[in-house]
């Protein structure tokens, strides 16, 4: 295991094609993905196509690499969640995947704080959401450390590992920062 970097050395950057080899681990290996992120065998092929098309960044969402020290630790993704209304109300919904050796070291919290700062500085959305599994206490604590508040439960919202799982809705409003 590499030495734990300071959370001050956690940065976000656009993903590049060589990053796909690192990310492939959490897309294709159940143990690497972890119990709350395994959705069956996948690949980074769609992400590779997205990188070739627009660098993984667009006005409606994107992907960024999470870098700890000088190593790729994982990725963040975000997309628009529409709520309707005449003004077209929407929020950012985000997710993260870290390779195992970078988990439980504060890297996810630091990356989440950086992403929320980036989104609030560059887009007009007033709300960012994270939806951890109701049993994933580590992700819940990480979101709380990043300033998110738990708003409620979505019952049977995600089918994974042969059964339905509840998700919790966490949000951070612009006025919370």
N, C-alpha and C. Protein backbone atom coordinates (compact mmCIF):
# COMPACT_ATOMS: atom_id res chain seq x y z
N UNK A 1 0.86 -1.18 0.00
CA UNK A 1 0.00 0.00 0.00
C UNK A 1 0.89 1.24 0.00
N UNK A 2 0.50 2.21 -0.76
CA UNK A 2 1.25 3.45 -0.80
C UNK A 2 0.98 4.25 0.46
N UNK A 3 1.90 5.13 0.80
CA UNK A 3 1.72 5.96 1.98
C UNK A 3 0.55 6.91 1.78
N UNK A 4 -0.15 7.17 2.85
CA UNK A 4 -1.34 8.03 2.79
C UNK A 4 -0.95 9.46 2.48
N UNK A 5 -1.44 10.00 1.35
CA UNK A 5 -1.13 11.38 1.04
C UNK A 5 -1.97 12.32 1.89
N UNK A 6 -1.50 13.51 2.07
CA UNK A 6 -2.30 14.54 2.72
C UNK A 6 -3.51 14.81 1.84
N UNK A 7 -4.66 15.07 2.48
CA UNK A 7 -5.84 15.39 1.68
C UNK A 7 -5.63 16.69 0.91
N UNK A 8 -4.63 17.49 1.29
CA UNK A 8 -4.32 18.70 0.52
C UNK A 8 -3.72 18.34 -0.83
N UNK A 9 -3.20 17.12 -0.96
CA UNK A 9 -2.62 16.72 -2.24
C UNK A 9 -3.62 15.99 -3.13
N UNK A 10 -4.90 16.02 -2.76
CA UNK A 10 -5.94 15.43 -3.60
C UNK A 10 -6.41 16.48 -4.60
N UNK A 11 -6.34 16.12 -5.87
CA UNK A 11 -6.75 17.04 -6.93
C UNK A 11 -7.67 16.30 -7.90
N UNK A 12 -8.36 17.08 -8.69
CA UNK A 12 -9.21 16.54 -9.75
C UNK A 12 -8.62 16.98 -11.08
N UNK A 13 -8.72 16.10 -12.07
CA UNK A 13 -8.26 16.45 -13.41
C UNK A 13 -9.05 15.65 -14.43
N UNK A 14 -9.08 16.13 -15.68
CA UNK A 14 -9.75 15.34 -16.71
C UNK A 14 -9.10 13.97 -16.84
N UNK A 15 -9.91 12.97 -17.09
CA UNK A 15 -9.40 11.63 -17.35
C UNK A 15 -8.76 11.58 -18.73
N UNK A 16 -7.77 10.72 -18.86
CA UNK A 16 -7.12 10.48 -20.15
C UNK A 16 -7.11 8.98 -20.40
N UNK A 17 -6.92 8.59 -21.63
CA UNK A 17 -7.03 7.19 -22.04
C UNK A 17 -6.20 6.24 -21.17
N UNK A 18 -4.95 6.54 -20.80
CA UNK A 18 -4.20 5.61 -19.95
C UNK A 18 -4.84 5.36 -18.57
N UNK A 19 -5.69 6.28 -18.11
CA UNK A 19 -6.38 6.09 -16.82
C UNK A 19 -7.33 4.91 -16.85
N UNK A 20 -7.81 4.54 -18.03
CA UNK A 20 -8.80 3.47 -18.13
C UNK A 20 -8.27 2.15 -17.58
N UNK A 21 -6.96 1.90 -17.69
CA UNK A 21 -6.39 0.66 -17.16
C UNK A 21 -6.53 0.59 -15.64
N UNK A 22 -6.39 1.72 -14.97
CA UNK A 22 -6.56 1.75 -13.51
C UNK A 22 -8.03 1.56 -13.17
N UNK A 23 -8.90 2.27 -13.87
CA UNK A 23 -10.33 2.21 -13.57
C UNK A 23 -10.94 0.86 -13.94
N UNK A 24 -10.34 0.16 -14.89
CA UNK A 24 -10.84 -1.15 -15.30
C UNK A 24 -10.96 -2.09 -14.10
N UNK A 25 -10.08 -1.93 -13.13
CA UNK A 25 -10.11 -2.79 -11.94
C UNK A 25 -11.46 -2.71 -11.23
N UNK A 26 -12.02 -1.50 -11.09
CA UNK A 26 -13.27 -1.38 -10.35
C UNK A 26 -14.50 -1.59 -11.23
N UNK A 27 -14.29 -1.75 -12.52
CA UNK A 27 -15.40 -2.05 -13.43
C UNK A 27 -15.53 -3.55 -13.69
N UNK A 28 -14.46 -4.32 -13.47
CA UNK A 28 -14.47 -5.72 -13.88
C UNK A 28 -14.25 -6.71 -12.75
N UNK A 29 -13.91 -6.26 -11.56
CA UNK A 29 -13.58 -7.16 -10.46
C UNK A 29 -14.44 -6.84 -9.25
N UNK A 30 -15.27 -7.80 -8.84
CA UNK A 30 -16.20 -7.59 -7.73
C UNK A 30 -15.47 -7.15 -6.46
N UNK A 31 -14.35 -7.77 -6.15
CA UNK A 31 -13.60 -7.43 -4.93
C UNK A 31 -13.04 -6.00 -5.02
N UNK A 32 -12.60 -5.60 -6.18
CA UNK A 32 -12.06 -4.25 -6.35
C UNK A 32 -13.16 -3.19 -6.29
N UNK A 33 -14.33 -3.51 -6.84
CA UNK A 33 -15.44 -2.55 -6.84
C UNK A 33 -15.96 -2.32 -5.43
N UNK A 34 -16.00 -3.37 -4.64
CA UNK A 34 -16.54 -3.27 -3.29
C UNK A 34 -18.01 -3.64 -3.26
N UNK A 35 -18.50 -3.95 -2.07
CA UNK A 35 -19.86 -4.49 -1.94
C UNK A 35 -20.95 -3.51 -2.36
N UNK A 36 -20.69 -2.21 -2.32
CA UNK A 36 -21.74 -1.25 -2.64
C UNK A 36 -21.63 -0.70 -4.06
N UNK A 37 -20.66 -1.16 -4.83
CA UNK A 37 -20.48 -0.63 -6.18
C UNK A 37 -20.39 -1.72 -7.25
N UNK A 38 -20.74 -2.94 -6.91
CA UNK A 38 -20.68 -4.01 -7.90
C UNK A 38 -22.05 -4.17 -8.55
N UNK A 39 -22.12 -3.91 -9.85
CA UNK A 39 -23.36 -4.00 -10.60
C UNK A 39 -23.26 -5.08 -11.68
N UNK A 40 -22.34 -5.98 -11.54
CA UNK A 40 -22.10 -7.00 -12.55
C UNK A 40 -20.91 -6.58 -13.41
N UNK A 41 -20.43 -7.49 -14.19
CA UNK A 41 -19.26 -7.22 -15.01
C UNK A 41 -19.52 -6.08 -15.96
N UNK A 42 -18.63 -5.14 -15.99
CA UNK A 42 -18.72 -4.00 -16.89
C UNK A 42 -17.38 -3.80 -17.56
N UNK A 43 -17.24 -2.68 -18.20
CA UNK A 43 -15.96 -2.33 -18.81
C UNK A 43 -15.87 -0.82 -18.89
N UNK A 44 -14.72 -0.38 -19.24
CA UNK A 44 -14.50 1.06 -19.41
C UNK A 44 -14.69 1.48 -20.86
N UNK A 45 -15.23 0.60 -21.71
CA UNK A 45 -15.37 0.90 -23.14
C UNK A 45 -16.22 2.15 -23.37
N UNK A 46 -17.36 2.25 -22.70
CA UNK A 46 -18.22 3.42 -22.89
C UNK A 46 -17.52 4.68 -22.41
N UNK A 47 -16.81 4.58 -21.30
CA UNK A 47 -16.06 5.74 -20.81
C UNK A 47 -14.97 6.12 -21.80
N UNK A 48 -14.31 5.13 -22.39
CA UNK A 48 -13.29 5.41 -23.40
C UNK A 48 -13.87 6.13 -24.61
N UNK A 49 -15.06 5.71 -25.05
CA UNK A 49 -15.72 6.40 -26.17
C UNK A 49 -16.07 7.83 -25.79
N UNK A 50 -16.55 8.00 -24.55
CA UNK A 50 -16.90 9.35 -24.08
C UNK A 50 -15.66 10.24 -24.04
N UNK A 51 -14.54 9.71 -23.57
CA UNK A 51 -13.31 10.50 -23.55
C UNK A 51 -12.90 10.92 -24.95
N UNK A 52 -13.05 10.01 -25.91
CA UNK A 52 -12.70 10.32 -27.30
C UNK A 52 -13.62 11.38 -27.89
N UNK A 53 -14.89 11.37 -27.49
CA UNK A 53 -15.87 12.32 -28.04
C UNK A 53 -15.72 13.72 -27.45
N UNK A 54 -15.69 13.82 -26.12
CA UNK A 54 -15.72 15.16 -25.52
C UNK A 54 -14.78 15.32 -24.33
N UNK A 55 -13.84 14.40 -24.18
CA UNK A 55 -12.91 14.48 -23.06
C UNK A 55 -13.56 14.14 -21.72
N UNK A 56 -14.78 13.61 -21.76
CA UNK A 56 -15.49 13.26 -20.54
C UNK A 56 -16.12 14.44 -19.84
N UNK A 57 -16.18 15.59 -20.52
CA UNK A 57 -16.73 16.80 -19.90
C UNK A 57 -17.72 17.45 -20.85
N UNK A 58 -18.91 17.75 -20.34
CA UNK A 58 -19.91 18.46 -21.14
C UNK A 58 -20.74 19.33 -20.21
N UNK A 59 -21.53 20.24 -20.75
CA UNK A 59 -22.37 21.08 -19.89
C UNK A 59 -23.40 20.30 -19.08
N UNK A 60 -23.70 19.05 -19.49
CA UNK A 60 -24.72 18.28 -18.77
C UNK A 60 -24.13 17.25 -17.82
N UNK A 61 -22.81 17.22 -17.67
CA UNK A 61 -22.19 16.29 -16.75
C UNK A 61 -20.82 15.87 -17.21
N UNK A 62 -20.20 14.98 -16.45
CA UNK A 62 -18.88 14.56 -16.85
C UNK A 62 -18.22 13.60 -15.88
N UNK A 63 -16.93 13.38 -16.14
CA UNK A 63 -16.06 12.52 -15.35
C UNK A 63 -14.77 13.26 -15.08
N UNK A 64 -14.24 13.13 -13.89
CA UNK A 64 -12.91 13.65 -13.57
C UNK A 64 -12.15 12.59 -12.81
N UNK A 65 -10.84 12.57 -13.02
CA UNK A 65 -9.99 11.69 -12.25
C UNK A 65 -9.73 12.27 -10.88
N UNK A 66 -9.67 11.41 -9.87
CA UNK A 66 -9.29 11.79 -8.51
C UNK A 66 -7.83 11.39 -8.37
N UNK A 67 -6.97 12.36 -8.10
CA UNK A 67 -5.53 12.11 -8.00
C UNK A 67 -5.09 12.37 -6.57
N UNK A 68 -4.43 11.38 -5.98
CA UNK A 68 -3.88 11.51 -4.63
C UNK A 68 -2.37 11.47 -4.76
N UNK A 69 -1.72 12.58 -4.37
CA UNK A 69 -0.29 12.68 -4.63
C UNK A 69 -0.11 12.76 -6.13
N UNK A 70 0.53 11.74 -6.70
CA UNK A 70 0.68 11.71 -8.16
C UNK A 70 0.06 10.44 -8.76
N UNK A 71 -0.82 9.77 -7.99
CA UNK A 71 -1.44 8.53 -8.46
C UNK A 71 -2.95 8.71 -8.68
N UNK A 72 -3.45 8.09 -9.73
CA UNK A 72 -4.89 8.08 -9.97
C UNK A 72 -5.54 7.19 -8.91
N UNK A 73 -6.43 7.77 -8.12
CA UNK A 73 -7.09 7.05 -7.04
C UNK A 73 -8.49 6.58 -7.44
N UNK A 74 -9.07 7.18 -8.46
CA UNK A 74 -10.42 6.83 -8.87
C UNK A 74 -11.01 7.91 -9.75
N UNK A 75 -12.33 8.00 -9.73
CA UNK A 75 -13.02 8.96 -10.59
C UNK A 75 -14.25 9.50 -9.88
N UNK A 76 -14.70 10.65 -10.33
CA UNK A 76 -15.97 11.26 -9.95
C UNK A 76 -16.79 11.42 -11.22
N UNK A 77 -18.08 11.28 -11.10
CA UNK A 77 -18.98 11.53 -12.21
C UNK A 77 -20.16 12.35 -11.71
N UNK A 78 -20.72 13.15 -12.56
CA UNK A 78 -21.90 13.94 -12.20
C UNK A 78 -22.75 14.14 -13.44
N UNK A 79 -24.05 14.30 -13.18
CA UNK A 79 -24.99 14.52 -14.28
C UNK A 79 -26.17 15.32 -13.74
N UNK A 80 -26.93 15.90 -14.67
CA UNK A 80 -28.08 16.71 -14.28
C UNK A 80 -29.26 15.82 -13.91
N UNK A 81 -29.87 16.15 -12.80
CA UNK A 81 -31.11 15.50 -12.35
C UNK A 81 -32.20 16.56 -12.45
N UNK A 82 -33.14 16.37 -13.37
CA UNK A 82 -34.20 17.36 -13.59
C UNK A 82 -35.37 17.13 -12.65
N UNK A 83 -35.94 18.23 -12.18
CA UNK A 83 -37.10 18.18 -11.30
C UNK A 83 -38.31 18.86 -11.89
N UNK A 84 -38.20 19.40 -13.10
CA UNK A 84 -39.36 19.99 -13.76
C UNK A 84 -39.57 21.44 -13.39
N UNK A 85 -40.78 21.88 -13.64
CA UNK A 85 -41.12 23.28 -13.39
C UNK A 85 -40.84 24.13 -14.60
N UNK A 86 -41.44 25.30 -14.62
CA UNK A 86 -41.30 26.20 -15.76
C UNK A 86 -39.86 26.63 -15.99
N UNK A 87 -39.10 26.77 -14.91
CA UNK A 87 -37.71 27.20 -15.05
C UNK A 87 -36.78 26.03 -15.33
N UNK A 88 -37.31 24.82 -15.41
CA UNK A 88 -36.46 23.66 -15.66
C UNK A 88 -35.53 23.40 -14.49
N UNK A 89 -36.06 23.30 -13.30
CA UNK A 89 -35.25 23.09 -12.11
C UNK A 89 -34.43 21.81 -12.21
N UNK A 90 -33.18 21.89 -11.83
CA UNK A 90 -32.31 20.72 -11.87
C UNK A 90 -31.24 20.83 -10.79
N UNK A 91 -30.67 19.69 -10.49
CA UNK A 91 -29.57 19.58 -9.53
C UNK A 91 -28.48 18.73 -10.17
N UNK A 92 -27.30 18.78 -9.60
CA UNK A 92 -26.26 17.84 -9.99
C UNK A 92 -26.38 16.61 -9.11
N UNK A 93 -26.30 15.44 -9.68
CA UNK A 93 -26.21 14.19 -8.93
C UNK A 93 -24.84 13.61 -9.22
N UNK A 94 -24.14 13.20 -8.18
CA UNK A 94 -22.77 12.74 -8.41
C UNK A 94 -22.52 11.38 -7.78
N UNK A 95 -21.48 10.73 -8.27
CA UNK A 95 -21.02 9.45 -7.75
C UNK A 95 -19.52 9.37 -7.84
N UNK A 96 -18.95 8.40 -7.13
CA UNK A 96 -17.50 8.28 -7.08
C UNK A 96 -17.12 6.81 -7.03
N UNK A 97 -15.97 6.50 -7.59
CA UNK A 97 -15.38 5.18 -7.46
C UNK A 97 -13.91 5.33 -7.16
N UNK A 98 -13.45 4.73 -6.07
CA UNK A 98 -12.03 4.75 -5.72
C UNK A 98 -11.51 3.32 -5.74
N UNK A 99 -10.26 3.15 -6.20
CA UNK A 99 -9.65 1.83 -6.12
C UNK A 99 -9.35 1.54 -4.65
N UNK A 100 -9.37 0.27 -4.25
CA UNK A 100 -9.34 -0.09 -2.83
C UNK A 100 -8.23 0.55 -2.00
N UNK A 101 -7.04 0.63 -2.52
CA UNK A 101 -5.94 1.14 -1.69
C UNK A 101 -6.06 2.62 -1.35
N UNK A 102 -7.02 3.31 -1.95
CA UNK A 102 -7.22 4.74 -1.66
C UNK A 102 -8.47 5.01 -0.83
N UNK A 103 -9.16 3.97 -0.43
CA UNK A 103 -10.37 4.15 0.38
C UNK A 103 -10.01 4.34 1.85
N UNK A 104 -10.92 4.97 2.58
CA UNK A 104 -10.78 5.16 4.04
C UNK A 104 -9.55 5.98 4.41
N UNK A 105 -9.18 6.95 3.58
CA UNK A 105 -8.02 7.79 3.85
C UNK A 105 -8.35 9.28 3.74
N UNK A 106 -9.63 9.62 3.63
CA UNK A 106 -10.03 11.01 3.50
C UNK A 106 -10.01 11.52 2.08
N UNK A 107 -9.59 10.69 1.14
CA UNK A 107 -9.47 11.10 -0.26
C UNK A 107 -10.84 11.37 -0.87
N UNK A 108 -11.82 10.52 -0.56
CA UNK A 108 -13.17 10.73 -1.08
C UNK A 108 -13.78 12.02 -0.59
N UNK A 109 -13.58 12.32 0.68
CA UNK A 109 -14.10 13.59 1.22
C UNK A 109 -13.45 14.77 0.53
N UNK A 110 -12.12 14.76 0.43
CA UNK A 110 -11.41 15.86 -0.22
C UNK A 110 -11.85 16.03 -1.66
N UNK A 111 -12.01 14.92 -2.38
CA UNK A 111 -12.43 14.99 -3.78
C UNK A 111 -13.85 15.53 -3.89
N UNK A 112 -14.73 15.13 -2.98
CA UNK A 112 -16.11 15.61 -2.99
C UNK A 112 -16.16 17.11 -2.74
N UNK A 113 -15.38 17.59 -1.80
CA UNK A 113 -15.32 19.03 -1.52
C UNK A 113 -14.83 19.78 -2.76
N UNK A 114 -13.81 19.27 -3.42
CA UNK A 114 -13.28 19.92 -4.63
C UNK A 114 -14.33 19.93 -5.74
N UNK A 115 -15.03 18.80 -5.92
CA UNK A 115 -16.04 18.75 -6.98
C UNK A 115 -17.18 19.72 -6.69
N UNK A 116 -17.65 19.77 -5.46
CA UNK A 116 -18.76 20.69 -5.16
C UNK A 116 -18.33 22.13 -5.37
N UNK A 117 -17.11 22.45 -5.00
CA UNK A 117 -16.59 23.81 -5.24
C UNK A 117 -16.60 24.11 -6.74
N UNK A 118 -16.07 23.18 -7.53
CA UNK A 118 -16.03 23.35 -8.99
C UNK A 118 -17.43 23.54 -9.57
N UNK A 119 -18.38 22.69 -9.17
CA UNK A 119 -19.73 22.77 -9.74
C UNK A 119 -20.42 24.08 -9.34
N UNK A 120 -20.31 24.49 -8.09
CA UNK A 120 -20.96 25.74 -7.66
C UNK A 120 -20.29 26.97 -8.29
N UNK A 121 -19.00 26.91 -8.57
CA UNK A 121 -18.31 28.05 -9.19
C UNK A 121 -18.60 28.18 -10.68
N UNK A 122 -18.96 27.07 -11.33
CA UNK A 122 -19.05 27.08 -12.79
C UNK A 122 -20.43 26.83 -13.37
N UNK A 123 -21.42 26.50 -12.54
CA UNK A 123 -22.75 26.20 -13.04
C UNK A 123 -23.80 26.80 -12.11
N UNK A 124 -24.99 27.11 -12.63
CA UNK A 124 -26.00 27.78 -11.81
C UNK A 124 -26.82 26.87 -10.89
N UNK A 125 -26.62 25.57 -10.92
CA UNK A 125 -27.41 24.68 -10.05
C UNK A 125 -27.22 25.09 -8.59
N UNK A 126 -28.28 24.96 -7.83
CA UNK A 126 -28.26 25.33 -6.42
C UNK A 126 -28.13 24.12 -5.51
N UNK A 127 -28.06 22.92 -6.09
CA UNK A 127 -28.13 21.69 -5.31
C UNK A 127 -27.25 20.61 -5.92
N UNK A 128 -26.53 19.89 -5.06
CA UNK A 128 -25.74 18.72 -5.47
C UNK A 128 -26.21 17.56 -4.60
N UNK A 129 -26.40 16.41 -5.23
CA UNK A 129 -26.91 15.24 -4.51
C UNK A 129 -25.96 14.06 -4.60
N UNK A 130 -25.95 13.27 -3.54
CA UNK A 130 -25.29 11.98 -3.50
C UNK A 130 -26.28 10.97 -2.96
N UNK A 131 -26.28 9.75 -3.51
CA UNK A 131 -27.25 8.73 -3.10
C UNK A 131 -26.54 7.45 -2.67
N UNK A 132 -26.01 7.40 -1.46
CA UNK A 132 -25.35 6.17 -1.00
C UNK A 132 -26.35 5.09 -0.63
N UNK A 133 -25.92 3.86 -0.70
CA UNK A 133 -26.72 2.74 -0.21
C UNK A 133 -27.01 2.98 1.27
N UNK A 134 -28.22 2.64 1.71
CA UNK A 134 -28.61 2.86 3.11
C UNK A 134 -27.73 2.07 4.08
N UNK A 135 -27.06 1.03 3.61
CA UNK A 135 -26.17 0.24 4.47
C UNK A 135 -24.72 0.70 4.39
N UNK A 136 -24.41 1.63 3.51
CA UNK A 136 -23.03 2.08 3.31
C UNK A 136 -22.71 3.23 4.26
N UNK A 137 -22.39 2.88 5.47
CA UNK A 137 -22.12 3.90 6.50
C UNK A 137 -20.89 4.73 6.19
N UNK A 138 -19.86 4.15 5.55
CA UNK A 138 -18.66 4.92 5.22
C UNK A 138 -18.97 6.03 4.24
N UNK A 139 -19.77 5.75 3.21
CA UNK A 139 -20.13 6.81 2.25
C UNK A 139 -21.01 7.87 2.90
N UNK A 140 -21.89 7.46 3.78
CA UNK A 140 -22.74 8.42 4.48
C UNK A 140 -21.88 9.37 5.32
N UNK A 141 -20.92 8.83 6.07
CA UNK A 141 -20.05 9.68 6.90
C UNK A 141 -19.20 10.60 6.02
N UNK A 142 -18.75 10.08 4.88
CA UNK A 142 -17.95 10.90 3.96
C UNK A 142 -18.76 12.08 3.46
N UNK A 143 -20.00 11.85 3.07
CA UNK A 143 -20.84 12.94 2.60
C UNK A 143 -21.09 13.96 3.72
N UNK A 144 -21.32 13.49 4.91
CA UNK A 144 -21.53 14.40 6.04
C UNK A 144 -20.28 15.23 6.32
N UNK A 145 -19.10 14.61 6.25
CA UNK A 145 -17.85 15.37 6.44
C UNK A 145 -17.68 16.44 5.36
N UNK A 146 -18.22 16.18 4.17
CA UNK A 146 -18.13 17.15 3.07
C UNK A 146 -19.23 18.20 3.14
N UNK A 147 -20.10 18.14 4.16
CA UNK A 147 -21.13 19.15 4.35
C UNK A 147 -22.51 18.78 3.89
N UNK A 148 -22.71 17.59 3.35
CA UNK A 148 -24.02 17.16 2.86
C UNK A 148 -24.93 16.81 4.03
N UNK A 149 -26.23 16.98 3.80
CA UNK A 149 -27.25 16.66 4.80
C UNK A 149 -28.13 15.53 4.27
N UNK A 150 -28.48 14.59 5.15
CA UNK A 150 -29.37 13.50 4.75
C UNK A 150 -30.81 14.02 4.75
N UNK A 151 -31.52 13.77 3.64
CA UNK A 151 -32.89 14.25 3.50
C UNK A 151 -33.92 13.15 3.57
N UNK A 152 -33.54 11.93 3.28
CA UNK A 152 -34.54 10.88 3.30
C UNK A 152 -34.08 9.60 2.64
N UNK A 153 -35.01 8.68 2.48
CA UNK A 153 -34.74 7.34 1.97
C UNK A 153 -35.58 7.08 0.72
N UNK A 154 -34.94 6.48 -0.27
CA UNK A 154 -35.62 5.98 -1.46
C UNK A 154 -35.68 4.46 -1.33
N UNK A 155 -36.86 3.95 -1.06
CA UNK A 155 -37.01 2.52 -0.82
C UNK A 155 -36.93 1.73 -2.12
N UNK A 156 -36.18 0.63 -2.08
CA UNK A 156 -36.02 -0.28 -3.22
C UNK A 156 -35.69 0.48 -4.50
N UNK A 157 -34.74 1.38 -4.41
CA UNK A 157 -34.40 2.24 -5.55
C UNK A 157 -33.32 1.66 -6.45
N UNK A 158 -32.60 0.64 -5.99
CA UNK A 158 -31.48 0.12 -6.78
C UNK A 158 -31.43 -1.39 -6.67
N UNK A 159 -31.37 -2.07 -7.81
CA UNK A 159 -31.23 -3.52 -7.82
C UNK A 159 -29.76 -3.85 -8.01
N UNK A 160 -29.18 -4.53 -7.03
CA UNK A 160 -27.76 -4.86 -7.06
C UNK A 160 -27.55 -6.13 -6.25
N UNK A 161 -26.67 -7.00 -6.74
CA UNK A 161 -26.29 -8.23 -6.05
C UNK A 161 -27.51 -9.10 -5.74
N UNK A 162 -28.44 -9.16 -6.67
CA UNK A 162 -29.57 -10.06 -6.55
C UNK A 162 -30.72 -9.61 -5.67
N UNK A 163 -30.68 -8.36 -5.21
CA UNK A 163 -31.79 -7.89 -4.38
C UNK A 163 -31.92 -6.37 -4.48
N UNK A 164 -33.07 -5.87 -4.02
CA UNK A 164 -33.33 -4.44 -4.02
C UNK A 164 -32.68 -3.80 -2.79
N UNK A 165 -32.15 -2.59 -3.00
CA UNK A 165 -31.49 -1.83 -1.94
C UNK A 165 -32.14 -0.46 -1.81
N UNK A 166 -32.23 0.02 -0.59
CA UNK A 166 -32.66 1.39 -0.34
C UNK A 166 -31.46 2.32 -0.51
N UNK A 167 -31.72 3.52 -1.00
CA UNK A 167 -30.71 4.56 -1.09
C UNK A 167 -31.12 5.71 -0.18
N UNK A 168 -30.14 6.43 0.32
CA UNK A 168 -30.41 7.64 1.08
C UNK A 168 -30.11 8.84 0.20
N UNK A 169 -30.89 9.89 0.34
CA UNK A 169 -30.68 11.12 -0.43
C UNK A 169 -29.94 12.10 0.46
N UNK A 170 -28.75 12.50 0.01
CA UNK A 170 -27.96 13.53 0.68
C UNK A 170 -27.86 14.71 -0.27
N UNK A 171 -27.89 15.92 0.28
CA UNK A 171 -27.73 17.09 -0.58
C UNK A 171 -26.85 18.13 0.07
N UNK A 172 -26.28 18.95 -0.80
CA UNK A 172 -25.53 20.13 -0.39
C UNK A 172 -26.10 21.28 -1.22
N UNK A 173 -26.57 22.32 -0.56
CA UNK A 173 -27.08 23.49 -1.26
C UNK A 173 -25.99 24.55 -1.33
N UNK A 174 -26.09 25.38 -2.33
CA UNK A 174 -25.12 26.48 -2.48
C UNK A 174 -25.04 27.30 -1.17
N UNK A 175 -26.19 27.52 -0.53
CA UNK A 175 -26.21 28.31 0.70
C UNK A 175 -25.57 27.58 1.88
N UNK A 176 -25.32 26.27 1.76
CA UNK A 176 -24.66 25.50 2.82
C UNK A 176 -23.15 25.72 2.82
N UNK A 177 -22.62 26.24 1.72
CA UNK A 177 -21.15 26.36 1.61
C UNK A 177 -20.67 27.71 2.10
